[in-house]
Amino acid sequence: MNKQYDSADAALDGVLRDGMLIAAGGFGLCGIPELAIEAILKAGTRELTIASNNCGVDGFGLGKLLDSRQIRKMISSYVGENAEFMRQYLSGELELEFNPQGTLAERMRAGGAGIPGFYTKTGVGTVIAEGKEHHDFDGETYILERGIVADLAIVKGWKADESGNVVFRKTARNFNVPAAKCGRVCVCEVEEIVPTGSLDPDAIHLPGIYVHRLIQGQHEKRIEQRTTRSRVSDTTGKKETV
């Protein structure tokens, strides 16, 4: 079965529809499936619910879909790096379902494993627990969290073979792997596609059975936040920014 597509537009053809639930990989600006996001932007698919750790930043990543008003609801852990995300949420334009970071990752993992729900202590006694089933185990209160099964998963890896076995780099693994596993259809974009059998089996983070469509493309390497300090030059005695 050939999983390779020439472009994100082709890979998402026939998959997108208004009102769908999408699980998107990425952690901060690391491992963002920006080619798939651009294709969704061009397709104009609307009323989307997106489960993702964060929502990119202003004008980049999922932030583009916020700007175009294509997202109706976010299921997320972190809002702070995206001013438009905050603005839309606080003004009531965007629905937001807050999740502790580990809970969101486990909801995706559970959905991909066929587990409909699980109990966790995280969030008990906070707004996170409102409206959720509570149960006591061994004298401790837990809340029920539902597994996430998405209509579509869009993820970004570093390298894949032709069968769709994927290797991620560093923190790109945090949400890309569980997001990929919880999608009924998974579209994965990578920087390089290599022949099947050329990857070390022990180095594969996402088995090809979870990947339905594969794209190779160029990705922008962004720094999420750069912090500098001033120091005095040994040669000139003047302050330099480093």
C-alpha atoms as a PDB file:
ATOM      1  CA  MET A   1       0.000   0.000   0.000  1.00  0.00           C
ATOM      2  CA  ASN A   2       1.459   3.332  -1.082  1.00  0.00           C
ATOM      3  CA  LYS A   3       1.101   5.883   1.724  1.00  0.00           C
ATOM      4  CA  GLN A   4       3.071   8.690   0.088  1.00  0.00           C
ATOM      5  CA  TYR A   5       1.373  11.817  -1.260  1.00  0.00           C
ATOM      6  CA  ASP A   6       2.914  14.652  -3.238  1.00  0.00           C
ATOM      7  CA  SER A   7       1.469  17.394  -1.043  1.00  0.00           C
ATOM      8  CA  ALA A   8      -0.560  18.065   2.069  1.00  0.00           C
ATOM      9  CA  ASP A   9      -3.450  19.190  -0.162  1.00  0.00           C
ATOM     10  CA  ALA A  10      -3.488  15.764  -1.824  1.00  0.00           C
ATOM     11  CA  ALA A  11      -3.085  13.898   1.477  1.00  0.00           C
ATOM     12  CA  LEU A  12      -6.099  15.678   3.001  1.00  0.00           C
ATOM     13  CA  ASP A  13      -8.267  15.424  -0.093  1.00  0.00           C
ATOM     14  CA  GLY A  14     -11.544  13.686   0.786  1.00  0.00           C
ATOM     15  CA  VAL A  15     -10.761  13.693   4.513  1.00  0.00           C
ATOM     16  CA  LEU A  16     -11.708  17.209   5.608  1.00  0.00           C
ATOM     17  CA  ARG A  17     -15.244  18.229   6.520  1.00  0.00           C
ATOM     18  CA  ASP A  18     -16.801  21.038   8.537  1.00  0.00           C
ATOM     19  CA  GLY A  19     -17.342  20.343  12.235  1.00  0.00           C
ATOM     20  CA  MET A  20     -14.761  17.564  12.521  1.00  0.00           C
ATOM     21  CA  LEU A  21     -12.493  16.799  15.488  1.00  0.00           C
ATOM     22  CA  ILE A  22      -8.771  17.011  14.724  1.00  0.00           C
ATOM     23  CA  ALA A  23      -5.924  15.889  16.992  1.00  0.00           C
ATOM     24  CA  ALA A  24      -2.830  17.968  16.205  1.00  0.00           C
ATOM     25  CA  GLY A  25       0.700  17.182  17.323  1.00  0.00           C
ATOM     26  CA  GLY A  26       3.235  19.728  18.459  1.00  0.00           C
ATOM     27  CA  PHE A  27       4.671  21.077  21.683  1.00  0.00           C
ATOM     28  CA  GLY A  28       5.156  24.830  21.726  1.00  0.00           C
ATOM     29  CA  LEU A  29       6.658  25.410  18.271  1.00  0.00           C
ATOM     30  CA  CYS A  30       8.300  21.986  18.165  1.00  0.00           C
ATOM     31  CA  GLY A  31       6.857  19.302  15.900  1.00  0.00           C
ATOM     32  CA  ILE A  32       4.027  21.400  14.452  1.00  0.00           C
ATOM     33  CA  PRO A  33       2.357  19.859  11.349  1.00  0.00           C
ATOM     34  CA  GLU A  34       2.523  23.153   9.500  1.00  0.00           C
ATOM     35  CA  LEU A  35       2.022  21.720   5.985  1.00  0.00           C
ATOM     36  CA  ALA A  36      -1.259  20.076   6.990  1.00  0.00           C
ATOM     37  CA  ILE A  37      -2.361  23.223   8.807  1.00  0.00           C
ATOM     38  CA  GLU A  38      -1.687  25.292   5.676  1.00  0.00           C
ATOM     39  CA  ALA A  39      -3.735  22.823   3.611  1.00  0.00           C
ATOM     40  CA  ILE A  40      -6.655  23.065   6.065  1.00  0.00           C
ATOM     41  CA  LEU A  41      -6.412  26.856   5.871  1.00  0.00           C
ATOM     42  CA  LYS A  42      -6.613  26.755   2.072  1.00  0.00           C
ATOM     43  CA  ALA A  43      -9.469  24.240   2.112  1.00  0.00           C
ATOM     44  CA  GLY A  44     -11.513  26.606   4.277  1.00  0.00           C
ATOM     45  CA  THR A  45     -12.810  23.817   6.521  1.00  0.00           C
ATOM     46  CA  ARG A  46     -14.754  25.428   9.367  1.00  0.00           C
ATOM     47  CA  GLU A  47     -16.329  24.839  12.796  1.00  0.00           C
ATOM     48  CA  LEU A  48     -13.341  22.699  13.785  1.00  0.00           C
ATOM     49  CA  THR A  49     -12.674  21.254  17.210  1.00  0.00           C
ATOM     50  CA  ILE A  50      -8.935  20.779  17.676  1.00  0.00           C
ATOM     51  CA  ALA A  51      -7.229  18.833  20.444  1.00  0.00           C
ATOM     52  CA  SER A  52      -3.674  20.106  20.823  1.00  0.00           C
ATOM     53  CA  ASN A  53      -1.361  21.054  23.678  1.00  0.00           C
ATOM     54  CA  ASN A  54      -1.379  24.689  22.559  1.00  0.00           C
ATOM     55  CA  CYS A  55      -2.522  26.631  19.515  1.00  0.00           C
ATOM     56  CA  GLY A  56       0.741  27.694  17.917  1.00  0.00           C
ATOM     57  CA  VAL A  57       1.529  31.382  18.184  1.00  0.00           C
ATOM     58  CA  ASP A  58       0.054  34.441  16.514  1.00  0.00           C
ATOM     59  CA  GLY A  59       0.182  33.914  12.759  1.00  0.00           C
ATOM     60  CA  PHE A  60       1.964  30.543  12.869  1.00  0.00           C
ATOM     61  CA  GLY A  61       0.899  26.928  13.286  1.00  0.00           C
ATOM     62  CA  LEU A  62      -2.676  26.522  14.500  1.00  0.00           C
ATOM     63  CA  GLY A  63      -2.654  30.271  15.113  1.00  0.00           C
ATOM     64  CA  LYS A  64      -3.340  30.663  11.379  1.00  0.00           C
ATOM     65  CA  LEU A  65      -6.627  28.799  11.758  1.00  0.00           C
ATOM     66  CA  LEU A  66      -7.555  31.064  14.664  1.00  0.00           C
ATOM     67  CA  ASP A  67      -6.907  34.119  12.508  1.00  0.00           C
ATOM     68  CA  SER A  68      -9.183  32.730   9.775  1.00  0.00           C
ATOM     69  CA  ARG A  69     -11.912  31.850  12.347  1.00  0.00           C
ATOM     70  CA  GLN A  70     -11.934  28.191  11.259  1.00  0.00           C
ATOM     71  CA  ILE A  71     -11.659  26.840  14.836  1.00  0.00           C
ATOM     72  CA  ARG A  72     -14.805  26.680  16.962  1.00  0.00           C
ATOM     73  CA  LYS A  73     -13.341  24.895  19.987  1.00  0.00           C
ATOM     74  CA  MET A  74      -9.894  24.076  21.397  1.00  0.00           C
ATOM     75  CA  ILE A  75      -9.136  21.173  23.733  1.00  0.00           C
ATOM     76  CA  SER A  76      -5.838  22.434  25.146  1.00  0.00           C
ATOM     77  CA  SER A  77      -3.449  22.766  28.067  1.00  0.00           C
ATOM     78  CA  TYR A  78      -1.701  26.057  27.357  1.00  0.00           C
ATOM     79  CA  VAL A  79      -2.909  29.428  26.088  1.00  0.00           C
ATOM     80  CA  GLY A  80      -0.218  31.919  27.109  1.00  0.00           C
ATOM     81  CA  GLU A  81       1.972  32.227  23.987  1.00  0.00           C
ATOM     82  CA  ASN A  82      -0.879  33.180  21.667  1.00  0.00           C
ATOM     83  CA  ALA A  83      -2.500  36.589  22.163  1.00  0.00           C
ATOM     84  CA  GLU A  84      -5.264  35.885  19.632  1.00  0.00           C
ATOM     85  CA  PHE A  85      -6.088  32.616  21.420  1.00  0.00           C
ATOM     86  CA  MET A  86      -6.511  34.531  24.673  1.00  0.00           C
ATOM     87  CA  ARG A  87      -8.507  37.302  23.023  1.00  0.00           C
ATOM     88  CA  GLN A  88     -10.977  34.960  21.318  1.00  0.00           C
ATOM     89  CA  TYR A  89     -11.446  32.895  24.470  1.00  0.00           C
ATOM     90  CA  LEU A  90     -11.965  35.870  26.787  1.00  0.00           C
ATOM     91  CA  SER A  91     -14.381  37.518  24.354  1.00  0.00           C
ATOM     92  CA  GLY A  92     -16.458  34.351  24.042  1.00  0.00           C
ATOM     93  CA  GLU A  93     -15.645  33.799  20.364  1.00  0.00           C
ATOM     94  CA  LEU A  94     -13.797  30.538  21.009  1.00  0.00           C
ATOM     95  CA  GLU A  95     -14.879  27.613  23.165  1.00  0.00           C
ATOM     96  CA  LEU A  96     -12.085  26.183  25.292  1.00  0.00           C
ATOM     97  CA  GLU A  97     -11.918  22.895  27.156  1.00  0.00           C
ATOM     98  CA  PHE A  98      -8.954  23.150  29.538  1.00  0.00           C
ATOM     99  CA  ASN A  99      -6.955  19.980  30.244  1.00  0.00           C
ATOM    100  CA  PRO A 100      -3.936  19.430  32.456  1.00  0.00           C
ATOM    101  CA  GLN A 101      -1.076  18.600  30.109  1.00  0.00           C
ATOM    102  CA  GLY A 102      -0.635  15.006  31.250  1.00  0.00           C
ATOM    103  CA  THR A 103      -4.383  14.432  31.193  1.00  0.00           C
ATOM    104  CA  LEU A 104      -4.619  15.606  27.581  1.00  0.00           C
ATOM    105  CA  ALA A 105      -1.765  13.331  26.506  1.00  0.00           C
ATOM    106  CA  GLU A 106      -3.371  10.394  28.322  1.00  0.00           C
ATOM    107  CA  ARG A 107      -6.796  11.129  26.810  1.00  0.00           C
ATOM    108  CA  MET A 108      -5.235  10.857  23.349  1.00  0.00           C
ATOM    109  CA  ARG A 109      -3.269   7.737  24.273  1.00  0.00           C
ATOM    110  CA  ALA A 110      -6.351   6.125  25.791  1.00  0.00           C
ATOM    111  CA  GLY A 111      -8.468   6.860  22.732  1.00  0.00           C
ATOM    112  CA  GLY A 112      -5.835   5.301  20.493  1.00  0.00           C
ATOM    113  CA  ALA A 113      -5.706   2.214  22.720  1.00  0.00           C
ATOM    114  CA  GLY A 114      -9.453   1.729  22.660  1.00  0.00           C
ATOM    115  CA  ILE A 115      -9.890   2.822  26.300  1.00  0.00           C
ATOM    116  CA  PRO A 116     -13.094   4.906  26.618  1.00  0.00           C
ATOM    117  CA  GLY A 117     -12.130   6.592  29.888  1.00  0.00           C
ATOM    118  CA  PHE A 118      -9.873   6.597  32.933  1.00  0.00           C
ATOM    119  CA  TYR A 119      -9.801   8.016  36.454  1.00  0.00           C
ATOM    120  CA  THR A 120      -7.241  10.571  37.605  1.00  0.00           C
ATOM    121  CA  LYS A 121      -6.680  12.719  40.711  1.00  0.00           C
ATOM    122  CA  THR A 122      -5.421  15.614  38.605  1.00  0.00           C
ATOM    123  CA  GLY A 123      -7.943  18.450  38.631  1.00  0.00           C
ATOM    124  CA  VAL A 124      -9.994  17.261  41.603  1.00  0.00           C
ATOM    125  CA  GLY A 125     -11.379  20.271  43.464  1.00  0.00           C
ATOM    126  CA  THR A 126     -10.801  22.674  40.553  1.00  0.00           C
ATOM    127  CA  VAL A 127     -12.832  23.929  37.590  1.00  0.00           C
ATOM    128  CA  ILE A 128     -11.351  21.009  35.622  1.00  0.00           C
ATOM    129  CA  ALA A 129     -13.555  18.633  37.646  1.00  0.00           C
ATOM    130  CA  GLU A 130     -16.825  20.499  37.160  1.00  0.00           C
ATOM    131  CA  GLY A 131     -19.518  18.332  35.589  1.00  0.00           C
ATOM    132  CA  LYS A 132     -17.356  15.188  35.599  1.00  0.00           C
ATOM    133  CA  GLU A 133     -18.047  11.921  37.338  1.00  0.00           C
ATOM    134  CA  HIS A 134     -16.274  11.556  40.704  1.00  0.00           C
ATOM    135  CA  HIS A 135     -15.363   8.248  42.315  1.00  0.00           C
ATOM    136  CA  ASP A 136     -13.470   7.313  45.479  1.00  0.00           C
ATOM    137  CA  PHE A 137     -10.743   4.694  45.427  1.00  0.00           C
ATOM    138  CA  ASP A 138      -8.975   3.747  48.671  1.00  0.00           C
ATOM    139  CA  GLY A 139     -10.149   6.938  50.340  1.00  0.00           C
ATOM    140  CA  GLU A 140      -9.007   9.237  47.512  1.00  0.00           C
ATOM    141  CA  THR A 141     -11.294  11.078  45.079  1.00  0.00           C
ATOM    142  CA  TYR A 142     -10.730  10.752  41.340  1.00  0.00           C
ATOM    143  CA  ILE A 143     -12.470  12.211  38.294  1.00  0.00           C
ATOM    144  CA  LEU A 144     -13.375  10.401  35.102  1.00  0.00           C
ATOM    145  CA  GLU A 145     -11.724  11.647  31.914  1.00  0.00           C
ATOM    146  CA  ARG A 146     -12.837  10.409  28.494  1.00  0.00           C
ATOM    147  CA  GLY A 147     -10.455   9.109  25.863  1.00  0.00           C
ATOM    148  CA  ILE A 148     -10.202  11.166  22.669  1.00  0.00           C
ATOM    149  CA  VAL A 149     -10.890   9.559  19.314  1.00  0.00           C
ATOM    150  CA  ALA A 150     -10.388  12.129  16.558  1.00  0.00           C
ATOM    151  CA  ASP A 151     -11.727  12.107  13.020  1.00  0.00           C
ATOM    152  CA  LEU A 152      -8.267  13.146  11.820  1.00  0.00           C
ATOM    153  CA  ALA A 153      -4.781  13.312  13.311  1.00  0.00           C
ATOM    154  CA  ILE A 154      -2.153  15.622  11.816  1.00  0.00           C
ATOM    155  CA  VAL A 155       1.402  15.123  13.059  1.00  0.00           C
ATOM    156  CA  LYS A 156       4.962  16.074  12.146  1.00  0.00           C
ATOM    157  CA  GLY A 157       7.964  13.748  12.384  1.00  0.00           C
ATOM    158  CA  TRP A 158      11.623  13.961  11.525  1.00  0.00           C
ATOM    159  CA  LYS A 159      12.087  10.893   9.358  1.00  0.00           C
ATOM    160  CA  ALA A 160       9.912   8.036   8.120  1.00  0.00           C
ATOM    161  CA  ASP A 161      10.301   5.017   5.901  1.00  0.00           C
ATOM    162  CA  GLU A 162       7.992   4.235   3.000  1.00  0.00           C
ATOM    163  CA  SER A 163       5.804   2.064   5.236  1.00  0.00           C
ATOM    164  CA  GLY A 164       5.088   4.991   7.553  1.00  0.00           C
ATOM    165  CA  ASN A 165       7.313   4.039  10.484  1.00  0.00           C
ATOM    166  CA  VAL A 166       8.241   7.393  12.026  1.00  0.00           C
ATOM    167  CA  VAL A 167      11.095   8.820  14.107  1.00  0.00           C
ATOM    168  CA  PHE A 168      10.556  12.061  16.042  1.00  0.00           C
ATOM    169  CA  ARG A 169      13.216  14.352  17.477  1.00  0.00           C
ATOM    170  CA  LYS A 170      13.411  15.510  21.088  1.00  0.00           C
ATOM    171  CA  THR A 171      10.237  17.162  22.482  1.00  0.00           C
ATOM    172  CA  ALA A 172       8.378  16.639  19.193  1.00  0.00           C
ATOM    173  CA  ARG A 173       7.514  13.214  20.628  1.00  0.00           C
ATOM    174  CA  ASN A 174       5.473  14.667  23.509  1.00  0.00           C
ATOM    175  CA  PHE A 175       2.134  15.030  21.745  1.00  0.00           C
ATOM    176  CA  ASN A 176       2.740  13.811  18.196  1.00  0.00           C
ATOM    177  CA  VAL A 177       2.774  10.135  19.147  1.00  0.00           C
ATOM    178  CA  PRO A 178      -0.465  10.054  21.186  1.00  0.00           C
ATOM    179  CA  ALA A 179      -2.163  12.413  18.704  1.00  0.00           C
ATOM    180  CA  ALA A 180      -1.265  10.124  15.804  1.00  0.00           C
ATOM    181  CA  LYS A 181      -2.617   7.068  17.569  1.00  0.00           C
ATOM    182  CA  CYS A 182      -6.029   8.562  18.399  1.00  0.00           C
ATOM    183  CA  GLY A 183      -6.953   9.591  14.837  1.00  0.00           C
ATOM    184  CA  ARG A 184      -9.224   7.468  12.674  1.00  0.00           C
ATOM    185  CA  VAL A 185      -7.096   8.804   9.807  1.00  0.00           C
ATOM    186  CA  CYS A 186      -3.523   9.937  10.483  1.00  0.00           C
ATOM    187  CA  VAL A 187      -1.665  12.235   8.097  1.00  0.00           C
ATOM    188  CA  CYS A 188       2.025  12.532   8.950  1.00  0.00           C
ATOM    189  CA  GLU A 189       4.484  14.995   7.443  1.00  0.00           C
ATOM    190  CA  VAL A 190       8.228  14.452   7.725  1.00  0.00           C
ATOM    191  CA  GLU A 191      11.451  16.066   6.601  1.00  0.00           C
ATOM    192  CA  GLU A 192      12.762  12.905   4.950  1.00  0.00           C
ATOM    193  CA  ILE A 193      11.344   9.614   3.643  1.00  0.00           C
ATOM    194  CA  VAL A 194      13.790   6.711   3.438  1.00  0.00           C
ATOM    195  CA  PRO A 195      13.443   3.161   2.025  1.00  0.00           C
ATOM    196  CA  THR A 196      11.602   0.622   4.149  1.00  0.00           C
ATOM    197  CA  GLY A 197      14.032  -1.345   6.271  1.00  0.00           C
ATOM    198  CA  SER A 198      16.648   1.398   6.513  1.00  0.00           C
ATOM    199  CA  LEU A 199      15.518   2.598   9.966  1.00  0.00           C
ATOM    200  CA  ASP A 200      16.661   0.825  13.118  1.00  0.00           C
ATOM    201  CA  PRO A 201      13.517  -0.926  14.441  1.00  0.00           C
ATOM    202  CA  ASP A 202      14.484   0.025  18.005  1.00  0.00           C
ATOM    203  CA  ALA A 203      14.597   3.724  17.037  1.00  0.00           C
ATOM    204  CA  ILE A 204      11.042   3.897  15.670  1.00  0.00           C
ATOM    205  CA  HIS A 205       8.678   5.940  17.848  1.00  0.00           C
ATOM    206  CA  LEU A 206       5.464   5.503  15.826  1.00  0.00           C
ATOM    207  CA  PRO A 207       4.809   2.219  13.990  1.00  0.00           C
ATOM    208  CA  GLY A 208       3.552   2.530  10.430  1.00  0.00           C
ATOM    209  CA  ILE A 209       0.256   0.828  11.279  1.00  0.00           C
ATOM    210  CA  TYR A 210      -0.903   4.146  12.755  1.00  0.00           C
ATOM    211  CA  VAL A 211       0.051   6.244   9.706  1.00  0.00           C
ATOM    212  CA  HIS A 212      -2.333   6.275   6.758  1.00  0.00           C
ATOM    213  CA  ARG A 213      -0.923   9.101   4.619  1.00  0.00           C
ATOM    214  CA  LEU A 214       2.621  10.433   4.425  1.00  0.00           C
ATOM    215  CA  ILE A 215       4.075  13.709   3.114  1.00  0.00           C
ATOM    216  CA  GLN A 216       7.660  14.884   2.726  1.00  0.00           C
ATOM    217  CA  GLY A 217       8.297  18.623   2.799  1.00  0.00           C
ATOM    218  CA  GLN A 218      10.329  21.550   4.028  1.00  0.00           C
ATOM    219  CA  HIS A 219       9.533  23.016   7.451  1.00  0.00           C
ATOM    220  CA  GLU A 220      10.302  26.328   9.060  1.00  0.00           C
ATOM    221  CA  LYS A 221      12.669  26.151  12.031  1.00  0.00           C
ATOM    222  CA  ARG A 222      11.415  28.716  14.531  1.00  0.00           C
ATOM    223  CA  ILE A 223      12.702  29.630  17.975  1.00  0.00           C
ATOM    224  CA  GLU A 224       9.761  30.027  20.328  1.00  0.00           C
ATOM    225  CA  GLN A 225      11.439  32.420  22.712  1.00  0.00           C
ATOM    226  CA  ARG A 226      14.935  33.918  22.654  1.00  0.00           C
ATOM    227  CA  THR A 227      16.393  35.363  25.846  1.00  0.00           C
ATOM    228  CA  THR A 228      19.525  37.529  25.709  1.00  0.00           C
ATOM    229  CA  ARG A 229      21.690  39.341  28.236  1.00  0.00           C
ATOM    230  CA  SER A 230      24.224  42.153  28.072  1.00  0.00           C
ATOM    231  CA  ARG A 231      27.884  41.686  28.936  1.00  0.00           C
ATOM    232  CA  VAL A 232      30.966  43.860  28.805  1.00  0.00           C
ATOM    233  CA  SER A 233      33.345  43.090  25.938  1.00  0.00           C
ATOM    234  CA  ASP A 234      36.888  42.189  27.016  1.00  0.00           C
ATOM    235  CA  THR A 235      38.345  44.126  24.091  1.00  0.00           C
ATOM    236  CA  THR A 236      36.266  47.324  23.860  1.00  0.00           C
ATOM    237  CA  GLY A 237      34.769  47.683  27.320  1.00  0.00           C
ATOM    238  CA  LYS A 238      31.372  48.222  25.693  1.00  0.00           C
ATOM    239  CA  LYS A 239      28.196  46.261  26.403  1.00  0.00           C
ATOM    240  CA  GLU A 240      27.295  43.593  23.867  1.00  0.00           C
ATOM    241  CA  THR A 241      24.093  41.603  23.557  1.00  0.00           C
ATOM    242  CA  VAL A 242      24.623  37.811  23.555  1.00  0.00           C
END
